[in-house]
Amino acid sequence: APGQERQFVAGLRWSGNRYYEDSVKGRFTISGTGARDTLYLQ
């Protein structure tokens, strides 16, 4: 955001593990395709 540091939101390991910053947990979902050609953030 303007005037702020770049912050981690969500992370994905292709093996399936997912990680979220506390403020978005339960609202955001990170995912990727099996071909590893697209990353999504719902």
PDB file of all heavy atoms in Angstrom:
ATOM      1  N   ALA A   1       0.844  -1.184   0.000  1.00  0.00           N
ATOM      2  CA  ALA A   1       0.000   0.000   0.000  1.00  0.00           C
ATOM      3  C   ALA A   1       0.883   1.240   0.000  1.00  0.00           C
ATOM      4  O   ALA A   1       2.050   1.183   0.413  1.00  0.00           O
ATOM      5  CB  ALA A   1      -0.918  -0.002   1.212  1.00  0.00           C
ATOM      6  N   PRO A   2       0.362   2.373  -0.460  1.00  0.00           N
ATOM      7  CA  PRO A   2       1.168   3.597  -0.479  1.00  0.00           C
ATOM      8  C   PRO A   2       1.743   3.925   0.889  1.00  0.00           C
ATOM      9  O   PRO A   2       1.030   3.898   1.892  1.00  0.00           O
ATOM     10  CB  PRO A   2       0.167   4.661  -0.934  1.00  0.00           C
ATOM     11  CG  PRO A   2      -0.831   3.909  -1.745  1.00  0.00           C
ATOM     12  CD  PRO A   2      -0.970   2.583  -1.048  1.00  0.00           C
ATOM     13  N   GLY A   3       3.031   4.220   0.925  1.00  0.00           N
ATOM     14  CA  GLY A   3       3.690   4.580   2.165  1.00  0.00           C
ATOM     15  C   GLY A   3       3.987   3.430   3.097  1.00  0.00           C
ATOM     16  O   GLY A   3       4.443   3.666   4.222  1.00  0.00           O
ATOM     17  N   GLN A   4       3.744   2.202   2.663  1.00  0.00           N
ATOM     18  CA  GLN A   4       3.966   1.037   3.505  1.00  0.00           C
ATOM     19  C   GLN A   4       4.973   0.092   2.871  1.00  0.00           C
ATOM     20  O   GLN A   4       5.257   0.174   1.677  1.00  0.00           O
ATOM     21  CB  GLN A   4       2.654   0.298   3.772  1.00  0.00           C
ATOM     22  CG  GLN A   4       1.593   1.139   4.471  1.00  0.00           C
ATOM     23  CD  GLN A   4       0.343   0.350   4.792  1.00  0.00           C
ATOM     24  OE1 GLN A   4       0.342  -0.882   4.761  1.00  0.00           O
ATOM     25  NE2 GLN A   4      -0.731   1.049   5.115  1.00  0.00           N
ATOM     26  N   GLU A   5       5.503  -0.802   3.686  1.00  0.00           N
ATOM     27  CA  GLU A   5       6.422  -1.817   3.203  1.00  0.00           C
ATOM     28  C   GLU A   5       5.662  -2.917   2.480  1.00  0.00           C
ATOM     29  O   GLU A   5       4.471  -3.142   2.721  1.00  0.00           O
ATOM     30  CB  GLU A   5       7.213  -2.412   4.369  1.00  0.00           C
ATOM     31  CG  GLU A   5       8.053  -1.409   5.141  1.00  0.00           C
ATOM     32  CD  GLU A   5       9.184  -0.856   4.315  1.00  0.00           C
ATOM     33  OE1 GLU A   5       9.719  -1.587   3.451  1.00  0.00           O
ATOM     34  OE2 GLU A   5       9.544   0.313   4.515  1.00  0.00           O
ATOM     35  N   ARG A   6       6.360  -3.600   1.594  1.00  0.00           N
ATOM     36  CA  ARG A   6       5.767  -4.737   0.917  1.00  0.00           C
ATOM     37  C   ARG A   6       5.589  -5.874   1.915  1.00  0.00           C
ATOM     38  O   ARG A   6       6.537  -6.265   2.601  1.00  0.00           O
ATOM     39  CB  ARG A   6       6.649  -5.172  -0.254  1.00  0.00           C
ATOM     40  CG  ARG A   6       5.995  -6.192  -1.163  1.00  0.00           C
ATOM     41  CD  ARG A   6       6.763  -6.335  -2.467  1.00  0.00           C
ATOM     42  NE  ARG A   6       6.783  -5.092  -3.216  1.00  0.00           N
ATOM     43  CZ  ARG A   6       7.303  -4.967  -4.439  1.00  0.00           C
ATOM     44  NH1 ARG A   6       7.841  -6.024  -5.038  1.00  0.00           N
ATOM     45  NH2 ARG A   6       7.285  -3.792  -5.045  1.00  0.00           N
ATOM     46  N   GLN A   7       4.368  -6.418   1.991  1.00  0.00           N
ATOM     47  CA  GLN A   7       4.019  -7.383   3.018  1.00  0.00           C
ATOM     48  C   GLN A   7       3.606  -8.713   2.404  1.00  0.00           C
ATOM     49  O   GLN A   7       2.920  -8.756   1.386  1.00  0.00           O
ATOM     50  CB  GLN A   7       2.882  -6.849   3.892  1.00  0.00           C
ATOM     51  CG  GLN A   7       3.214  -5.572   4.651  1.00  0.00           C
ATOM     52  CD  GLN A   7       4.213  -5.794   5.771  1.00  0.00           C
ATOM     53  OE1 GLN A   7       4.308  -6.890   6.330  1.00  0.00           O
ATOM     54  NE2 GLN A   7       4.956  -4.757   6.112  1.00  0.00           N
ATOM     55  N   PHE A   8       4.002  -9.783   3.071  1.00  0.00           N
ATOM     56  CA  PHE A   8       3.585 -11.119   2.690  1.00  0.00           C
ATOM     57  C   PHE A   8       2.089 -11.283   2.900  1.00  0.00           C
ATOM     58  O   PHE A   8       1.546 -10.869   3.923  1.00  0.00           O
ATOM     59  CB  PHE A   8       4.349 -12.149   3.532  1.00  0.00           C
ATOM     60  CG  PHE A   8       3.940 -13.570   3.313  1.00  0.00           C
ATOM     61  CD1 PHE A   8       4.505 -14.324   2.305  1.00  0.00           C
ATOM     62  CD2 PHE A   8       2.991 -14.166   4.130  1.00  0.00           C
ATOM     63  CE1 PHE A   8       4.139 -15.643   2.106  1.00  0.00           C
ATOM     64  CE2 PHE A   8       2.612 -15.478   3.944  1.00  0.00           C
ATOM     65  CZ  PHE A   8       3.191 -16.216   2.924  1.00  0.00           C
ATOM     66  N   VAL A   9       1.415 -11.898   1.940  1.00  0.00           N
ATOM     67  CA  VAL A   9      -0.018 -12.152   2.032  1.00  0.00           C
ATOM     68  C   VAL A   9      -0.310 -13.638   2.135  1.00  0.00           C
ATOM     69  O   VAL A   9      -1.028 -14.083   3.033  1.00  0.00           O
ATOM     70  CB  VAL A   9      -0.770 -11.560   0.824  1.00  0.00           C
ATOM     71  CG1 VAL A   9      -2.258 -11.908   0.895  1.00  0.00           C
ATOM     72  CG2 VAL A   9      -0.570 -10.052   0.756  1.00  0.00           C
ATOM     73  N   ALA A  10       0.221 -14.411   1.201  1.00  0.00           N
ATOM     74  CA  ALA A  10      -0.034 -15.845   1.166  1.00  0.00           C
ATOM     75  C   ALA A  10       1.085 -16.536   0.416  1.00  0.00           C
ATOM     76  O   ALA A  10       1.686 -15.962  -0.493  1.00  0.00           O
ATOM     77  CB  ALA A  10      -1.380 -16.148   0.503  1.00  0.00           C
ATOM     78  N   GLY A  11       1.359 -17.778   0.786  1.00  0.00           N
ATOM     79  CA  GLY A  11       2.401 -18.549   0.145  1.00  0.00           C
ATOM     80  C   GLY A  11       1.933 -19.949  -0.174  1.00  0.00           C
ATOM     81  O   GLY A  11       1.011 -20.473   0.466  1.00  0.00           O
ATOM     82  N   LEU A  12       2.571 -20.555  -1.156  1.00  0.00           N
ATOM     83  CA  LEU A  12       2.192 -21.877  -1.637  1.00  0.00           C
ATOM     84  C   LEU A  12       3.420 -22.732  -1.904  1.00  0.00           C
ATOM     85  O   LEU A  12       4.347 -22.311  -2.582  1.00  0.00           O
ATOM     86  CB  LEU A  12       1.372 -21.753  -2.933  1.00  0.00           C
ATOM     87  CG  LEU A  12       1.111 -23.049  -3.706  1.00  0.00           C
ATOM     88  CD1 LEU A  12       0.067 -23.885  -2.974  1.00  0.00           C
ATOM     89  CD2 LEU A  12       0.677 -22.750  -5.135  1.00  0.00           C
ATOM     90  N   ARG A  13       3.403 -23.928  -1.337  1.00  0.00           N
ATOM     91  CA  ARG A  13       4.326 -24.969  -1.752  1.00  0.00           C
ATOM     92  C   ARG A  13       3.587 -25.886  -2.714  1.00  0.00           C
ATOM     93  O   ARG A  13       2.441 -26.257  -2.469  1.00  0.00           O
ATOM     94  CB  ARG A  13       4.850 -25.755  -0.555  1.00  0.00           C
ATOM     95  CG  ARG A  13       5.696 -24.918   0.399  1.00  0.00           C
ATOM     96  CD  ARG A  13       6.341 -25.772   1.471  1.00  0.00           C
ATOM     97  NE  ARG A  13       7.213 -24.973   2.318  1.00  0.00           N
ATOM     98  CZ  ARG A  13       8.015 -25.460   3.247  1.00  0.00           C
ATOM     99  NH1 ARG A  13       8.060 -26.768   3.464  1.00  0.00           N
ATOM    100  NH2 ARG A  13       8.768 -24.654   3.970  1.00  0.00           N
ATOM    101  N   TRP A  14       4.230 -26.234  -3.809  1.00  0.00           N
ATOM    102  CA  TRP A  14       3.559 -27.033  -4.824  1.00  0.00           C
ATOM    103  C   TRP A  14       3.148 -28.404  -4.312  1.00  0.00           C
ATOM    104  O   TRP A  14       2.289 -29.051  -4.901  1.00  0.00           O
ATOM    105  CB  TRP A  14       4.441 -27.163  -6.061  1.00  0.00           C
ATOM    106  CG  TRP A  14       4.651 -25.854  -6.755  1.00  0.00           C
ATOM    107  CD1 TRP A  14       5.787 -25.103  -6.777  1.00  0.00           C
ATOM    108  CD2 TRP A  14       3.677 -25.130  -7.519  1.00  0.00           C
ATOM    109  NE1 TRP A  14       5.599 -23.960  -7.516  1.00  0.00           N
ATOM    110  CE2 TRP A  14       4.310 -23.952  -7.986  1.00  0.00           C
ATOM    111  CE3 TRP A  14       2.338 -25.356  -7.869  1.00  0.00           C
ATOM    112  CZ2 TRP A  14       3.644 -23.009  -8.779  1.00  0.00           C
ATOM    113  CZ3 TRP A  14       1.684 -24.417  -8.645  1.00  0.00           C
ATOM    114  CH2 TRP A  14       2.338 -23.259  -9.097  1.00  0.00           C
ATOM    115  N   SER A  15       3.734 -28.821  -3.207  1.00  0.00           N
ATOM    116  CA  SER A  15       3.336 -30.073  -2.587  1.00  0.00           C
ATOM    117  C   SER A  15       1.967 -29.980  -1.921  1.00  0.00           C
ATOM    118  O   SER A  15       1.370 -31.001  -1.580  1.00  0.00           O
ATOM    119  CB  SER A  15       4.380 -30.502  -1.556  1.00  0.00           C
ATOM    120  OG  SER A  15       4.534 -29.522  -0.545  1.00  0.00           O
ATOM    121  N   GLY A  16       1.483 -28.742  -1.711  1.00  0.00           N
ATOM    122  CA  GLY A  16       0.161 -28.553  -1.165  1.00  0.00           C
ATOM    123  C   GLY A  16       0.061 -27.656   0.046  1.00  0.00           C
ATOM    124  O   GLY A  16      -1.030 -27.158   0.344  1.00  0.00           O
ATOM    125  N   ASN A  17       1.159 -27.424   0.752  1.00  0.00           N
ATOM    126  CA  ASN A  17       1.114 -26.581   1.932  1.00  0.00           C
ATOM    127  C   ASN A  17       0.838 -25.139   1.556  1.00  0.00           C
ATOM    128  O   ASN A  17       1.385 -24.617   0.582  1.00  0.00           O
ATOM    129  CB  ASN A  17       2.428 -26.662   2.703  1.00  0.00           C
ATOM    130  CG  ASN A  17       2.626 -28.011   3.363  1.00  0.00           C
ATOM    131  OD1 ASN A  17       1.728 -28.851   3.385  1.00  0.00           O
ATOM    132  ND2 ASN A  17       3.808 -28.225   3.915  1.00  0.00           N
ATOM    133  N   ARG A  18      -0.005 -24.488   2.344  1.00  0.00           N
ATOM    134  CA  ARG A  18      -0.354 -23.094   2.110  1.00  0.00           C
ATOM    135  C   ARG A  18      -0.201 -22.301   3.395  1.00  0.00           C
ATOM    136  O   ARG A  18      -0.443 -22.810   4.491  1.00  0.00           O
ATOM    137  CB  ARG A  18      -1.783 -22.979   1.573  1.00  0.00           C
ATOM    138  CG  ARG A  18      -1.981 -23.664   0.230  1.00  0.00           C
ATOM    139  CD  ARG A  18      -3.385 -23.507  -0.285  1.00  0.00           C
ATOM    140  NE  ARG A  18      -4.360 -24.206   0.545  1.00  0.00           N
ATOM    141  CZ  ARG A  18      -5.650 -24.309   0.254  1.00  0.00           C
ATOM    142  NH1 ARG A  18      -6.123 -23.746  -0.853  1.00  0.00           N
ATOM    143  NH2 ARG A  18      -6.469 -24.963   1.070  1.00  0.00           N
ATOM    144  N   TYR A  19       0.168 -21.036   3.257  1.00  0.00           N
ATOM    145  CA  TYR A  19       0.436 -20.172   4.396  1.00  0.00           C
ATOM    146  C   TYR A  19      -0.222 -18.824   4.161  1.00  0.00           C
ATOM    147  O   TYR A  19      -0.250 -18.325   3.032  1.00  0.00           O
ATOM    148  CB  TYR A  19       1.944 -19.986   4.584  1.00  0.00           C
ATOM    149  CG  TYR A  19       2.709 -21.285   4.646  1.00  0.00           C
ATOM    150  CD1 TYR A  19       3.148 -21.909   3.487  1.00  0.00           C
ATOM    151  CD2 TYR A  19       2.987 -21.892   5.869  1.00  0.00           C
ATOM    152  CE1 TYR A  19       3.836 -23.106   3.539  1.00  0.00           C
ATOM    153  CE2 TYR A  19       3.674 -23.086   5.933  1.00  0.00           C
ATOM    154  CZ  TYR A  19       4.094 -23.688   4.765  1.00  0.00           C
ATOM    155  OH  TYR A  19       4.782 -24.876   4.821  1.00  0.00           O
ATOM    156  N   TYR A  20      -0.740 -18.217   5.244  1.00  0.00           N
ATOM    157  CA  TYR A  20      -1.464 -16.962   5.125  1.00  0.00           C
ATOM    158  C   TYR A  20      -1.067 -15.987   6.223  1.00  0.00           C
ATOM    159  O   TYR A  20      -0.801 -16.387   7.358  1.00  0.00           O
ATOM    160  CB  TYR A  20      -2.972 -17.183   5.199  1.00  0.00           C
ATOM    161  CG  TYR A  20      -3.521 -18.038   4.094  1.00  0.00           C
ATOM    162  CD1 TYR A  20      -3.724 -19.394   4.275  1.00  0.00           C
ATOM    163  CD2 TYR A  20      -3.838 -17.477   2.859  1.00  0.00           C
ATOM    164  CE1 TYR A  20      -4.227 -20.179   3.252  1.00  0.00           C
ATOM    165  CE2 TYR A  20      -4.340 -18.263   1.832  1.00  0.00           C
ATOM    166  CZ  TYR A  20      -4.536 -19.618   2.037  1.00  0.00           C
ATOM    167  OH  TYR A  20      -5.039 -20.390   1.016  1.00  0.00           O
ATOM    168  N   GLU A  21      -1.047 -14.723   5.861  1.00  0.00           N
ATOM    169  CA  GLU A  21      -0.929 -13.682   6.857  1.00  0.00           C
ATOM    170  C   GLU A  21      -2.230 -13.645   7.654  1.00  0.00           C
ATOM    171  O   GLU A  21      -3.310 -13.872   7.105  1.00  0.00           O
ATOM    172  CB  GLU A  21      -0.651 -12.344   6.165  1.00  0.00           C
ATOM    173  CG  GLU A  21      -0.202 -11.230   7.089  1.00  0.00           C
ATOM    174  CD  GLU A  21      -1.361 -10.489   7.696  1.00  0.00           C
ATOM    175  OE1 GLU A  21      -2.402 -10.346   7.021  1.00  0.00           O
ATOM    176  OE2 GLU A  21      -1.231 -10.040   8.845  1.00  0.00           O
ATOM    177  N   ASP A  22      -2.140 -13.359   8.941  1.00  0.00           N
ATOM    178  CA  ASP A  22      -3.291 -13.501   9.821  1.00  0.00           C
ATOM    179  C   ASP A  22      -4.511 -12.694   9.376  1.00  0.00           C
ATOM    180  O   ASP A  22      -5.649 -13.158   9.517  1.00  0.00           O
ATOM    181  CB  ASP A  22      -2.918 -13.108  11.252  1.00  0.00           C
ATOM    182  CG  ASP A  22      -2.038 -14.129  11.934  1.00  0.00           C
ATOM    183  OD1 ASP A  22      -1.972 -15.276  11.454  1.00  0.00           O
ATOM    184  OD2 ASP A  22      -1.421 -13.785  12.957  1.00  0.00           O
ATOM    185  N   SER A  23      -4.304 -11.509   8.847  1.00  0.00           N
ATOM    186  CA  SER A  23      -5.426 -10.650   8.511  1.00  0.00           C
ATOM    187  C   SER A  23      -6.242 -11.146   7.322  1.00  0.00           C
ATOM    188  O   SER A  23      -7.371 -10.684   7.118  1.00  0.00           O
ATOM    189  CB  SER A  23      -4.940  -9.223   8.238  1.00  0.00           C
ATOM    190  OG  SER A  23      -4.180  -9.159   7.045  1.00  0.00           O
ATOM    191  N   VAL A  24      -5.700 -12.072   6.531  1.00  0.00           N
ATOM    192  CA  VAL A  24      -6.423 -12.578   5.368  1.00  0.00           C
ATOM    193  C   VAL A  24      -6.850 -14.027   5.529  1.00  0.00           C
ATOM    194  O   VAL A  24      -7.596 -14.541   4.688  1.00  0.00           O
ATOM    195  CB  VAL A  24      -5.599 -12.426   4.070  1.00  0.00           C
ATOM    196  CG1 VAL A  24      -5.110 -10.998   3.911  1.00  0.00           C
ATOM    197  CG2 VAL A  24      -4.430 -13.411   4.045  1.00  0.00           C
ATOM    198  N   LYS A  25      -6.414 -14.674   6.576  1.00  0.00           N
ATOM    199  CA  LYS A  25      -6.749 -16.076   6.790  1.00  0.00           C
ATOM    200  C   LYS A  25      -8.260 -16.234   6.924  1.00  0.00           C
ATOM    201  O   LYS A  25      -8.906 -15.509   7.670  1.00  0.00           O
ATOM    202  CB  LYS A  25      -6.043 -16.618   8.026  1.00  0.00           C
ATOM    203  CG  LYS A  25      -6.178 -18.120   8.197  1.00  0.00           C
ATOM    204  CD  LYS A  25      -5.336 -18.622   9.355  1.00  0.00           C
ATOM    205  CE  LYS A  25      -5.408 -20.130   9.475  1.00  0.00           C
ATOM    206  NZ  LYS A  25      -4.583 -20.634  10.597  1.00  0.00           N
ATOM    207  N   GLY A  26      -8.812 -17.184   6.176  1.00  0.00           N
ATOM    208  CA  GLY A  26     -10.246 -17.392   6.162  1.00  0.00           C
ATOM    209  C   GLY A  26     -10.965 -16.615   5.083  1.00  0.00           C
ATOM    210  O   GLY A  26     -12.125 -16.917   4.783  1.00  0.00           O
ATOM    211  N   ARG A  27     -10.316 -15.612   4.510  1.00  0.00           N
ATOM    212  CA  ARG A  27     -10.900 -14.819   3.431  1.00  0.00           C
ATOM    213  C   ARG A  27     -10.215 -15.063   2.088  1.00  0.00           C
ATOM    214  O   ARG A  27     -10.868 -15.059   1.049  1.00  0.00           O
ATOM    215  CB  ARG A  27     -10.827 -13.332   3.753  1.00  0.00           C
ATOM    216  CG  ARG A  27     -11.597 -12.928   5.005  1.00  0.00           C
ATOM    217  CD  ARG A  27     -11.660 -11.412   5.150  1.00  0.00           C
ATOM    218  NE  ARG A  27     -10.331 -10.823   5.318  1.00  0.00           N
ATOM    219  CZ  ARG A  27      -9.808  -9.899   4.521  1.00  0.00           C
ATOM    220  NH1 ARG A  27     -10.495  -9.449   3.474  1.00  0.00           N
ATOM    221  NH2 ARG A  27      -8.594  -9.410   4.762  1.00  0.00           N
ATOM    222  N   PHE A  28      -8.904 -15.258   2.108  1.00  0.00           N
ATOM    223  CA  PHE A  28      -8.126 -15.442   0.884  1.00  0.00           C
ATOM    224  C   PHE A  28      -7.709 -16.899   0.740  1.00  0.00           C
ATOM    225  O   PHE A  28      -7.469 -17.592   1.734  1.00  0.00           O
ATOM    226  CB  PHE A  28      -6.858 -14.585   0.901  1.00  0.00           C
ATOM    227  CG  PHE A  28      -7.087 -13.100   0.801  1.00  0.00           C
ATOM    228  CD1 PHE A  28      -8.356 -12.550   0.900  1.00  0.00           C
ATOM    229  CD2 PHE A  28      -6.003 -12.255   0.606  1.00  0.00           C
ATOM    230  CE1 PHE A  28      -8.551 -11.182   0.814  1.00  0.00           C
ATOM    231  CE2 PHE A  28      -6.187 -10.887   0.510  1.00  0.00           C
ATOM    232  CZ  PHE A  28      -7.460 -10.344   0.615  1.00  0.00           C
ATOM    233  N   THR A  29      -7.597 -17.348  -0.499  1.00  0.00           N
ATOM    234  CA  THR A  29      -7.125 -18.691  -0.791  1.00  0.00           C
ATOM    235  C   THR A  29      -6.107 -18.638  -1.915  1.00  0.00           C
ATOM    236  O   THR A  29      -6.395 -18.111  -2.991  1.00  0.00           O
ATOM    237  CB  THR A  29      -8.277 -19.622  -1.198  1.00  0.00           C
ATOM    238  OG1 THR A  29      -9.255 -19.672  -0.157  1.00  0.00           O
ATOM    239  CG2 THR A  29      -7.753 -21.035  -1.453  1.00  0.00           C
ATOM    240  N   ILE A  30      -4.921 -19.174  -1.666  1.00  0.00           N
ATOM    241  CA  ILE A  30      -3.896 -19.251  -2.695  1.00  0.00           C
ATOM    242  C   ILE A  30      -3.928 -20.646  -3.300  1.00  0.00           C
ATOM    243  O   ILE A  30      -4.124 -21.641  -2.593  1.00  0.00           O
ATOM    244  CB  ILE A  30      -2.502 -18.910  -2.130  1.00  0.00           C
ATOM    245  CG1 ILE A  30      -1.456 -18.846  -3.253  1.00  0.00           C
ATOM    246  CG2 ILE A  30      -2.092 -19.894  -1.039  1.00  0.00           C
ATOM    247  CD1 ILE A  30      -0.105 -18.327  -2.789  1.00  0.00           C
ATOM    248  N   SER A  31      -3.748 -20.730  -4.609  1.00  0.00           N
ATOM    249  CA  SER A  31      -3.752 -22.015  -5.282  1.00  0.00           C
ATOM    250  C   SER A  31      -2.928 -21.918  -6.551  1.00  0.00           C
ATOM    251  O   SER A  31      -2.596 -20.829  -7.021  1.00  0.00           O
ATOM    252  CB  SER A  31      -5.177 -22.480  -5.604  1.00  0.00           C
ATOM    253  OG  SER A  31      -5.818 -21.577  -6.487  1.00  0.00           O
ATOM    254  N   GLY A  32      -2.602 -23.067  -7.112  1.00  0.00           N
ATOM    255  CA  GLY A  32      -1.847 -23.114  -8.352  1.00  0.00           C
ATOM    256  C   GLY A  32      -2.280 -24.290  -9.189  1.00  0.00           C
ATOM    257  O   GLY A  32      -2.908 -25.229  -8.695  1.00  0.00           O
ATOM    258  N   THR A  33      -1.949 -24.251 -10.467  1.00  0.00           N
ATOM    259  CA  THR A  33      -2.300 -25.326 -11.374  1.00  0.00           C
ATOM    260  C   THR A  33      -1.295 -26.456 -11.282  1.00  0.00           C
ATOM    261  O   THR A  33      -0.154 -26.277 -10.861  1.00  0.00           O
ATOM    262  CB  THR A  33      -2.360 -24.821 -12.816  1.00  0.00           C
ATOM    263  OG1 THR A  33      -1.077 -24.284 -13.182  1.00  0.00           O
ATOM    264  CG2 THR A  33      -3.415 -23.745 -12.971  1.00  0.00           C
ATOM    265  N   GLY A  34      -1.734 -27.639 -11.702  1.00  0.00           N
ATOM    266  CA  GLY A  34      -0.851 -28.795 -11.697  1.00  0.00           C
ATOM    267  C   GLY A  34       0.350 -28.632 -12.607  1.00  0.00           C
ATOM    268  O   GLY A  34       1.419 -29.186 -12.340  1.00  0.00           O
ATOM    269  N   ALA A  35       0.188 -27.875 -13.677  1.00  0.00           N
ATOM    270  CA  ALA A  35       1.287 -27.609 -14.598  1.00  0.00           C
ATOM    271  C   ALA A  35       2.239 -26.552 -14.072  1.00  0.00           C
ATOM    272  O   ALA A  35       3.258 -26.277 -14.713  1.00  0.00           O
ATOM    273  CB  ALA A  35       0.737 -27.181 -15.951  1.00  0.00           C
ATOM    274  N   ARG A  36       1.917 -25.957 -12.945  1.00  0.00           N
ATOM    275  CA  ARG A  36       2.724 -24.900 -12.330  1.00  0.00           C
ATOM    276  C   ARG A  36       2.939 -23.727 -13.286  1.00  0.00           C
ATOM    277  O   ARG A  36       4.007 -23.131 -13.325  1.00  0.00           O
ATOM    278  CB  ARG A  36       4.063 -25.460 -11.839  1.00  0.00           C
ATOM    279  CG  ARG A  36       3.906 -26.529 -10.766  1.00  0.00           C
ATOM    280  CD  ARG A  36       5.214 -26.802 -10.033  1.00  0.00           C
ATOM    281  NE  ARG A  36       6.189 -27.471 -10.886  1.00  0.00           N
ATOM    282  CZ  ARG A  36       6.309 -28.787 -10.985  1.00  0.00           C
ATOM    283  NH1 ARG A  36       5.510 -29.583 -10.288  1.00  0.00           N
ATOM    284  NH2 ARG A  36       7.239 -29.299 -11.780  1.00  0.00           N
ATOM    285  N   ASP A  37       1.890 -23.389 -14.043  1.00  0.00           N
ATOM    286  CA  ASP A  37       1.971 -22.266 -14.961  1.00  0.00           C
ATOM    287  C   ASP A  37       1.086 -21.097 -14.560  1.00  0.00           C
ATOM    288  O   ASP A  37       1.098 -20.058 -15.229  1.00  0.00           O
ATOM    289  CB  ASP A  37       1.647 -22.702 -16.390  1.00  0.00           C
ATOM    290  CG  ASP A  37       0.253 -23.301 -16.543  1.00  0.00           C
ATOM    291  OD1 ASP A  37      -0.522 -23.299 -15.566  1.00  0.00           O
ATOM    292  OD2 ASP A  37      -0.054 -23.771 -17.655  1.00  0.00           O
ATOM    293  N   THR A  38       0.316 -21.254 -13.488  1.00  0.00           N
ATOM    294  CA  THR A  38      -0.551 -20.183 -13.018  1.00  0.00           C
ATOM    295  C   THR A  38      -0.670 -20.243 -11.505  1.00  0.00           C
ATOM    296  O   THR A  38      -0.844 -21.321 -10.938  1.00  0.00           O
ATOM    297  CB  THR A  38      -1.954 -20.264 -13.630  1.00  0.00           C
ATOM    298  OG1 THR A  38      -1.864 -20.425 -15.050  1.00  0.00           O
ATOM    299  CG2 THR A  38      -2.740 -19.000 -13.327  1.00  0.00           C
ATOM    300  N   LEU A  39      -0.598 -19.100 -10.881  1.00  0.00           N
ATOM    301  CA  LEU A  39      -0.834 -18.959  -9.457  1.00  0.00           C
ATOM    302  C   LEU A  39      -2.051 -18.058  -9.268  1.00  0.00           C
ATOM    303  O   LEU A  39      -2.166 -17.030  -9.936  1.00  0.00           O
ATOM    304  CB  LEU A  39       0.385 -18.343  -8.768  1.00  0.00           C
ATOM    305  CG  LEU A  39       0.357 -18.250  -7.249  1.00  0.00           C
ATOM    306  CD1 LEU A  39       0.551 -19.630  -6.622  1.00  0.00           C
ATOM    307  CD2 LEU A  39       1.438 -17.290  -6.753  1.00  0.00           C
ATOM    308  N   TYR A  40      -2.946 -18.446  -8.362  1.00  0.00           N
ATOM    309  CA  TYR A  40      -4.156 -17.682  -8.117  1.00  0.00           C
ATOM    310  C   TYR A  40      -4.198 -17.164  -6.687  1.00  0.00           C
ATOM    311  O   TYR A  40      -3.616 -17.750  -5.774  1.00  0.00           O
ATOM    312  CB  TYR A  40      -5.399 -18.537  -8.339  1.00  0.00           C
ATOM    313  CG  TYR A  40      -5.584 -19.048  -9.745  1.00  0.00           C
ATOM    314  CD1 TYR A  40      -5.309 -20.373 -10.056  1.00  0.00           C
ATOM    315  CD2 TYR A  40      -6.044 -18.213 -10.751  1.00  0.00           C
ATOM    316  CE1 TYR A  40      -5.496 -20.849 -11.342  1.00  0.00           C
ATOM    317  CE2 TYR A  40      -6.224 -18.683 -12.036  1.00  0.00           C
ATOM    318  CZ  TYR A  40      -5.950 -19.996 -12.327  1.00  0.00           C
ATOM    319  OH  TYR A  40      -6.127 -20.471 -13.602  1.00  0.00           O
ATOM    320  N   LEU A  41      -4.923 -16.079  -6.510  1.00  0.00           N
ATOM    321  CA  LEU A  41      -5.281 -15.609  -5.180  1.00  0.00           C
ATOM    322  C   LEU A  41      -6.755 -15.240  -5.206  1.00  0.00           C
ATOM    323  O   LEU A  41      -7.137 -14.221  -5.786  1.00  0.00           O
ATOM    324  CB  LEU A  41      -4.434 -14.403  -4.751  1.00  0.00           C
ATOM    325  CG  LEU A  41      -4.694 -13.910  -3.326  1.00  0.00           C
ATOM    326  CD1 LEU A  41      -4.223 -14.953  -2.307  1.00  0.00           C
ATOM    327  CD2 LEU A  41      -3.995 -12.580  -3.060  1.00  0.00           C
ATOM    328  N   GLN A  42      -7.571 -16.096  -4.609  1.00  0.00           N
ATOM    329  CA  GLN A  42      -8.996 -15.819  -4.480  1.00  0.00           C
ATOM    330  C   GLN A  42      -9.203 -14.979  -3.237  1.00  0.00           C
ATOM    331  O   GLN A  42      -8.843 -15.401  -2.134  1.00  0.00           O
ATOM    332  CB  GLN A  42      -9.792 -17.119  -4.385  1.00  0.00           C
ATOM    333  CG  GLN A  42     -11.286 -16.922  -4.177  1.00  0.00           C
ATOM    334  CD  GLN A  42     -11.973 -16.285  -5.360  1.00  0.00           C
ATOM    335  OE1 GLN A  42     -11.733 -16.677  -6.498  1.00  0.00           O
ATOM    336  NE2 GLN A  42     -12.810 -15.290  -5.104  1.00  0.00           N
TER     337      GLN A  42
END
